């Protein structure tokens, strides 16, 4: 029995679309209340949890996750290197060294007469 749960059924599934459609492991925790005044909200939460349990996670690019991640990390590293080069090129860095010599007089208060 194949059940398709479209993302448009809930705002929360629309927000979680990226996490639910990739190779991520996603946990769903549903909280409910035994209070009669919270019955409607609890039922809606349970229905949403049930709908989430029917979502099947499929990837269009099987086995490509590690390679894609490696390319993304490399591109971010390249961008960081470019930005650091611009900072070094455009900024003037000055180094000032200050040396301070303090003199302290030693007074012997114990031999006062």
N, C-alpha and C. Protein backbone atom coordinates (compact mmCIF):
# COMPACT_ATOMS: atom_id res chain seq x y z
N UNK A 1 0.86 -1.19 0.00
CA UNK A 1 0.00 0.00 0.00
C UNK A 1 0.89 1.23 0.00
N UNK A 2 0.82 2.02 -1.07
CA UNK A 2 1.63 3.23 -1.19
C UNK A 2 0.79 4.44 -0.82
N UNK A 3 1.29 5.20 0.16
CA UNK A 3 0.61 6.42 0.57
C UNK A 3 1.54 7.58 0.33
N UNK A 4 1.07 8.57 -0.41
CA UNK A 4 1.86 9.77 -0.68
C UNK A 4 1.33 10.90 0.17
N UNK A 5 2.20 11.50 0.97
CA UNK A 5 1.81 12.64 1.79
C UNK A 5 2.43 13.88 1.17
N UNK A 6 1.64 14.72 0.52
CA UNK A 6 2.20 15.92 -0.09
C UNK A 6 2.63 16.93 0.97
N UNK A 7 3.65 17.72 0.61
CA UNK A 7 4.15 18.71 1.56
C UNK A 7 3.15 19.82 1.82
N UNK A 8 2.23 20.03 0.93
CA UNK A 8 1.28 21.13 1.08
C UNK A 8 0.24 20.86 2.15
N UNK A 9 0.20 19.65 2.72
CA UNK A 9 -0.80 19.34 3.74
C UNK A 9 -0.58 20.12 5.03
N UNK A 10 0.64 20.50 5.31
CA UNK A 10 0.93 21.16 6.57
C UNK A 10 2.03 22.20 6.38
N UNK A 11 1.93 23.29 7.12
CA UNK A 11 2.98 24.30 7.08
C UNK A 11 4.28 23.76 7.64
N UNK A 12 4.17 22.90 8.66
CA UNK A 12 5.38 22.36 9.27
C UNK A 12 6.13 21.45 8.30
N UNK A 13 5.41 20.63 7.55
CA UNK A 13 6.10 19.78 6.58
C UNK A 13 6.69 20.63 5.46
N UNK A 14 6.07 21.75 5.15
CA UNK A 14 6.65 22.65 4.15
C UNK A 14 7.95 23.26 4.68
N UNK A 15 7.98 23.61 5.95
CA UNK A 15 9.19 24.16 6.56
C UNK A 15 10.28 23.09 6.61
N UNK A 16 9.89 21.85 6.91
CA UNK A 16 10.85 20.75 7.04
C UNK A 16 11.13 20.05 5.71
N UNK A 17 10.71 20.64 4.60
CA UNK A 17 10.82 19.99 3.30
C UNK A 17 12.25 19.56 2.98
N UNK A 18 13.24 20.44 3.23
CA UNK A 18 14.63 20.10 2.92
C UNK A 18 15.12 18.94 3.77
N UNK A 19 14.76 18.92 5.05
CA UNK A 19 15.21 17.85 5.93
C UNK A 19 14.53 16.53 5.61
N UNK A 20 13.29 16.60 5.21
CA UNK A 20 12.53 15.38 4.95
C UNK A 20 12.78 14.80 3.56
N UNK A 21 13.32 15.58 2.65
CA UNK A 21 13.46 15.08 1.28
C UNK A 21 14.87 14.60 0.95
N UNK A 22 15.83 14.82 1.82
CA UNK A 22 17.20 14.44 1.53
C UNK A 22 17.60 13.16 2.22
N UNK A 23 18.88 13.03 2.48
CA UNK A 23 19.38 11.83 3.13
C UNK A 23 19.57 12.05 4.62
N UNK A 24 18.89 13.01 5.17
CA UNK A 24 19.02 13.31 6.59
C UNK A 24 18.18 12.34 7.41
N UNK A 25 18.62 12.10 8.62
CA UNK A 25 17.82 11.32 9.55
C UNK A 25 17.02 12.31 10.38
N UNK A 26 15.74 12.17 10.37
CA UNK A 26 14.87 13.12 11.04
C UNK A 26 14.03 12.40 12.08
N UNK A 27 14.00 12.93 13.27
CA UNK A 27 13.16 12.38 14.33
C UNK A 27 12.00 13.33 14.56
N UNK A 28 10.84 12.77 14.85
CA UNK A 28 9.65 13.56 15.10
C UNK A 28 9.14 13.20 16.48
N UNK A 29 9.02 14.18 17.33
CA UNK A 29 8.52 13.98 18.68
C UNK A 29 7.18 14.69 18.78
N UNK A 30 6.17 13.95 19.16
CA UNK A 30 4.83 14.52 19.29
C UNK A 30 4.46 14.52 20.76
N UNK A 31 4.07 15.68 21.25
CA UNK A 31 3.66 15.81 22.65
C UNK A 31 2.15 15.99 22.72
N UNK A 32 1.55 15.35 23.65
CA UNK A 32 0.12 15.47 23.83
C UNK A 32 -0.21 15.74 25.29
N UNK A 33 -1.46 16.04 25.52
CA UNK A 33 -1.91 16.36 26.87
C UNK A 33 -3.16 15.56 27.18
N UNK A 34 -3.32 15.15 28.43
CA UNK A 34 -4.52 14.42 28.85
C UNK A 34 -5.65 15.35 29.28
N UNK A 35 -5.37 16.64 29.31
CA UNK A 35 -6.39 17.61 29.71
C UNK A 35 -7.47 17.72 28.63
N UNK A 36 -8.73 17.72 29.02
CA UNK A 36 -9.81 17.82 28.02
C UNK A 36 -9.75 19.13 27.22
N UNK A 37 -9.26 20.21 27.82
CA UNK A 37 -9.23 21.48 27.10
C UNK A 37 -8.19 21.46 25.98
N UNK A 38 -7.23 20.52 26.02
CA UNK A 38 -6.20 20.41 24.99
C UNK A 38 -6.46 19.25 24.03
N UNK A 39 -7.65 18.69 24.06
CA UNK A 39 -7.94 17.49 23.28
C UNK A 39 -7.80 17.74 21.77
N UNK A 40 -8.31 18.84 21.28
CA UNK A 40 -8.27 19.12 19.84
C UNK A 40 -6.83 19.26 19.37
N UNK A 41 -6.03 20.01 20.11
CA UNK A 41 -4.63 20.20 19.74
C UNK A 41 -3.85 18.89 19.81
N UNK A 42 -4.14 18.06 20.82
CA UNK A 42 -3.47 16.77 20.95
C UNK A 42 -3.81 15.86 19.78
N UNK A 43 -5.07 15.83 19.39
CA UNK A 43 -5.48 15.00 18.25
C UNK A 43 -4.81 15.47 16.97
N UNK A 44 -4.75 16.79 16.76
CA UNK A 44 -4.07 17.32 15.57
C UNK A 44 -2.59 16.96 15.57
N UNK A 45 -1.94 17.03 16.74
CA UNK A 45 -0.53 16.68 16.83
C UNK A 45 -0.32 15.20 16.54
N UNK A 46 -1.20 14.34 17.05
CA UNK A 46 -1.09 12.91 16.79
C UNK A 46 -1.30 12.59 15.31
N UNK A 47 -2.25 13.27 14.69
CA UNK A 47 -2.47 13.07 13.25
C UNK A 47 -1.26 13.53 12.44
N UNK A 48 -0.66 14.63 12.84
CA UNK A 48 0.54 15.10 12.15
C UNK A 48 1.68 14.10 12.32
N UNK A 49 1.85 13.57 13.52
CA UNK A 49 2.88 12.57 13.76
C UNK A 49 2.66 11.32 12.94
N UNK A 50 1.41 10.92 12.81
CA UNK A 50 1.09 9.76 11.99
C UNK A 50 1.40 10.03 10.52
N UNK A 51 1.09 11.24 10.06
CA UNK A 51 1.41 11.60 8.68
C UNK A 51 2.92 11.62 8.46
N UNK A 52 3.67 12.08 9.45
CA UNK A 52 5.13 12.10 9.33
C UNK A 52 5.70 10.69 9.29
N UNK A 53 5.06 9.76 9.98
CA UNK A 53 5.57 8.39 9.98
C UNK A 53 5.39 7.72 8.63
N UNK A 54 4.50 8.24 7.80
CA UNK A 54 4.28 7.66 6.47
C UNK A 54 5.18 8.27 5.41
N UNK A 55 5.93 9.30 5.75
CA UNK A 55 6.82 9.94 4.77
C UNK A 55 8.01 9.04 4.51
N UNK A 56 8.25 8.76 3.24
CA UNK A 56 9.41 7.97 2.86
C UNK A 56 10.48 8.90 2.36
N UNK A 57 11.68 8.71 2.87
CA UNK A 57 12.79 9.56 2.46
C UNK A 57 13.50 8.90 1.29
N UNK A 58 13.47 9.56 0.15
CA UNK A 58 14.15 9.08 -1.04
C UNK A 58 15.09 10.14 -1.53
N UNK A 59 16.20 9.73 -2.05
CA UNK A 59 17.15 10.67 -2.61
C UNK A 59 17.21 10.47 -4.12
N UNK A 60 17.22 11.58 -4.84
CA UNK A 60 17.33 11.50 -6.29
C UNK A 60 18.74 11.14 -6.72
N UNK A 61 19.71 11.46 -5.88
CA UNK A 61 21.12 11.21 -6.21
C UNK A 61 21.70 10.24 -5.19
N UNK A 62 21.40 8.98 -5.35
CA UNK A 62 21.87 7.97 -4.40
C UNK A 62 23.40 7.88 -4.45
N UNK A 63 24.02 7.92 -3.29
CA UNK A 63 25.46 7.78 -3.20
C UNK A 63 26.23 9.04 -3.51
N UNK A 64 25.56 10.12 -3.85
CA UNK A 64 26.23 11.35 -4.23
C UNK A 64 26.39 12.29 -3.04
N UNK A 65 25.86 11.93 -1.88
CA UNK A 65 25.87 12.82 -0.73
C UNK A 65 27.25 13.21 -0.26
N UNK A 66 28.16 12.25 -0.16
CA UNK A 66 29.51 12.54 0.32
C UNK A 66 30.27 13.40 -0.67
N UNK A 67 30.13 13.11 -1.95
CA UNK A 67 30.82 13.89 -2.97
C UNK A 67 30.30 15.32 -3.01
N UNK A 68 29.00 15.48 -2.90
CA UNK A 68 28.41 16.82 -2.88
C UNK A 68 28.88 17.59 -1.67
N UNK A 69 28.90 16.94 -0.52
CA UNK A 69 29.36 17.59 0.70
C UNK A 69 30.82 18.00 0.58
N UNK A 70 31.63 17.13 0.00
CA UNK A 70 33.04 17.45 -0.17
C UNK A 70 33.23 18.65 -1.09
N UNK A 71 32.45 18.72 -2.18
CA UNK A 71 32.52 19.88 -3.08
C UNK A 71 32.09 21.15 -2.37
N UNK A 72 31.04 21.08 -1.57
CA UNK A 72 30.57 22.26 -0.84
C UNK A 72 31.62 22.75 0.15
N UNK A 73 32.24 21.83 0.88
CA UNK A 73 33.28 22.21 1.85
C UNK A 73 34.46 22.84 1.12
N UNK A 74 34.85 22.28 -0.02
CA UNK A 74 35.96 22.83 -0.78
C UNK A 74 35.64 24.23 -1.29
N UNK A 75 34.40 24.43 -1.76
CA UNK A 75 34.04 25.76 -2.26
C UNK A 75 34.01 26.78 -1.12
N UNK A 76 33.57 26.37 0.06
CA UNK A 76 33.57 27.28 1.21
C UNK A 76 35.00 27.60 1.62
N UNK A 77 35.88 26.59 1.62
CA UNK A 77 37.29 26.84 1.95
C UNK A 77 37.93 27.80 0.95
N UNK A 78 37.60 27.64 -0.34
CA UNK A 78 38.14 28.54 -1.36
C UNK A 78 37.65 29.97 -1.15
N UNK A 79 36.38 30.11 -0.80
CA UNK A 79 35.82 31.44 -0.56
C UNK A 79 36.47 32.09 0.66
N UNK A 80 36.70 31.32 1.71
CA UNK A 80 37.37 31.84 2.90
C UNK A 80 38.77 32.32 2.55
N UNK A 81 39.49 31.54 1.74
CA UNK A 81 40.85 31.93 1.34
C UNK A 81 40.83 33.21 0.52
N UNK A 82 39.85 33.35 -0.39
CA UNK A 82 39.73 34.58 -1.19
C UNK A 82 39.45 35.79 -0.31
N UNK A 83 38.55 35.64 0.64
CA UNK A 83 38.20 36.76 1.52
C UNK A 83 39.38 37.13 2.40
N UNK A 84 40.11 36.15 2.91
CA UNK A 84 41.28 36.45 3.72
C UNK A 84 42.34 37.17 2.89
N UNK A 85 42.51 36.80 1.63
CA UNK A 85 43.48 37.48 0.76
C UNK A 85 43.07 38.94 0.54
N UNK A 86 41.77 39.19 0.37
CA UNK A 86 41.28 40.56 0.20
C UNK A 86 41.53 41.37 1.47
N UNK A 87 41.30 40.76 2.61
CA UNK A 87 41.51 41.47 3.88
C UNK A 87 42.98 41.83 4.04
N UNK A 88 43.87 40.89 3.77
CA UNK A 88 45.30 41.15 3.89
C UNK A 88 45.73 42.22 2.90
N UNK A 89 45.18 42.19 1.69
CA UNK A 89 45.56 43.15 0.66
C UNK A 89 45.06 44.56 0.98
N UNK A 90 43.83 44.67 1.46
CA UNK A 90 43.20 45.98 1.64
C UNK A 90 43.44 46.62 3.00
N UNK A 91 43.79 45.86 3.97
CA UNK A 91 43.96 46.41 5.31
C UNK A 91 45.43 46.72 5.58
N UNK A 92 45.65 47.77 6.33
CA UNK A 92 47.00 48.10 6.79
C UNK A 92 47.10 47.66 8.23
N UNK A 93 48.01 46.79 8.49
CA UNK A 93 48.19 46.31 9.85
C UNK A 93 49.45 46.95 10.41
N UNK A 94 49.32 47.52 11.58
CA UNK A 94 50.46 48.14 12.24
C UNK A 94 50.72 47.40 13.53
N UNK A 95 51.99 47.30 13.81
CA UNK A 95 52.37 46.65 15.06
C UNK A 95 53.20 47.63 15.86
N UNK A 96 52.76 47.94 17.04
CA UNK A 96 53.48 48.85 17.92
C UNK A 96 53.87 48.09 19.17
N UNK A 97 55.13 48.25 19.51
CA UNK A 97 55.64 47.62 20.72
C UNK A 97 56.03 48.73 21.68
N UNK A 98 55.48 48.67 22.86
CA UNK A 98 55.79 49.66 23.88
C UNK A 98 56.49 48.95 25.03
N UNK A 99 57.62 49.49 25.37
CA UNK A 99 58.38 48.93 26.48
C UNK A 99 58.33 49.94 27.62
N UNK A 100 58.03 49.48 28.79
CA UNK A 100 57.90 50.37 29.93
C UNK A 100 58.78 49.84 31.05
N UNK A 101 59.57 50.76 31.60
CA UNK A 101 60.43 50.40 32.72
C UNK A 101 59.96 51.18 33.94
N UNK A 102 59.59 50.47 34.95
CA UNK A 102 59.18 51.10 36.20
C UNK A 102 60.27 50.90 37.24
N UNK A 103 60.50 51.95 38.02
CA UNK A 103 61.46 51.84 39.12
C UNK A 103 60.69 51.93 40.42
N UNK A 104 61.09 51.13 41.33
CA UNK A 104 60.42 51.09 42.62
C UNK A 104 61.47 51.33 43.69
N UNK A 105 61.18 52.29 44.57
CA UNK A 105 62.09 52.56 45.67
C UNK A 105 61.77 51.61 46.81
N UNK A 106 62.78 51.05 47.35
CA UNK A 106 62.60 50.16 48.48
C UNK A 106 62.81 50.96 49.76
N UNK A 107 61.85 51.00 50.61
CA UNK A 107 61.95 51.69 51.88
C UNK A 107 61.79 50.69 53.00
N UNK A 108 62.64 50.84 53.94
CA UNK A 108 62.60 49.94 55.09
C UNK A 108 61.89 50.66 56.23
N UNK A 109 60.67 50.27 56.47
CA UNK A 109 59.88 50.93 57.53
C UNK A 109 60.13 50.33 58.89
N UNK A 110 60.87 49.26 58.97
CA UNK A 110 61.07 48.60 60.24
C UNK A 110 62.20 49.24 61.06
N UNK A 111 63.12 49.91 60.44
CA UNK A 111 64.28 50.49 61.16
C UNK A 111 64.09 51.98 61.44
N UNK A 112 62.92 52.45 61.41
CA UNK A 112 62.72 53.88 61.69
C UNK A 112 62.85 54.15 63.18
N UNK A 113 63.51 55.24 63.53
CA UNK A 113 63.76 55.56 64.96
C UNK A 113 63.03 56.79 65.36
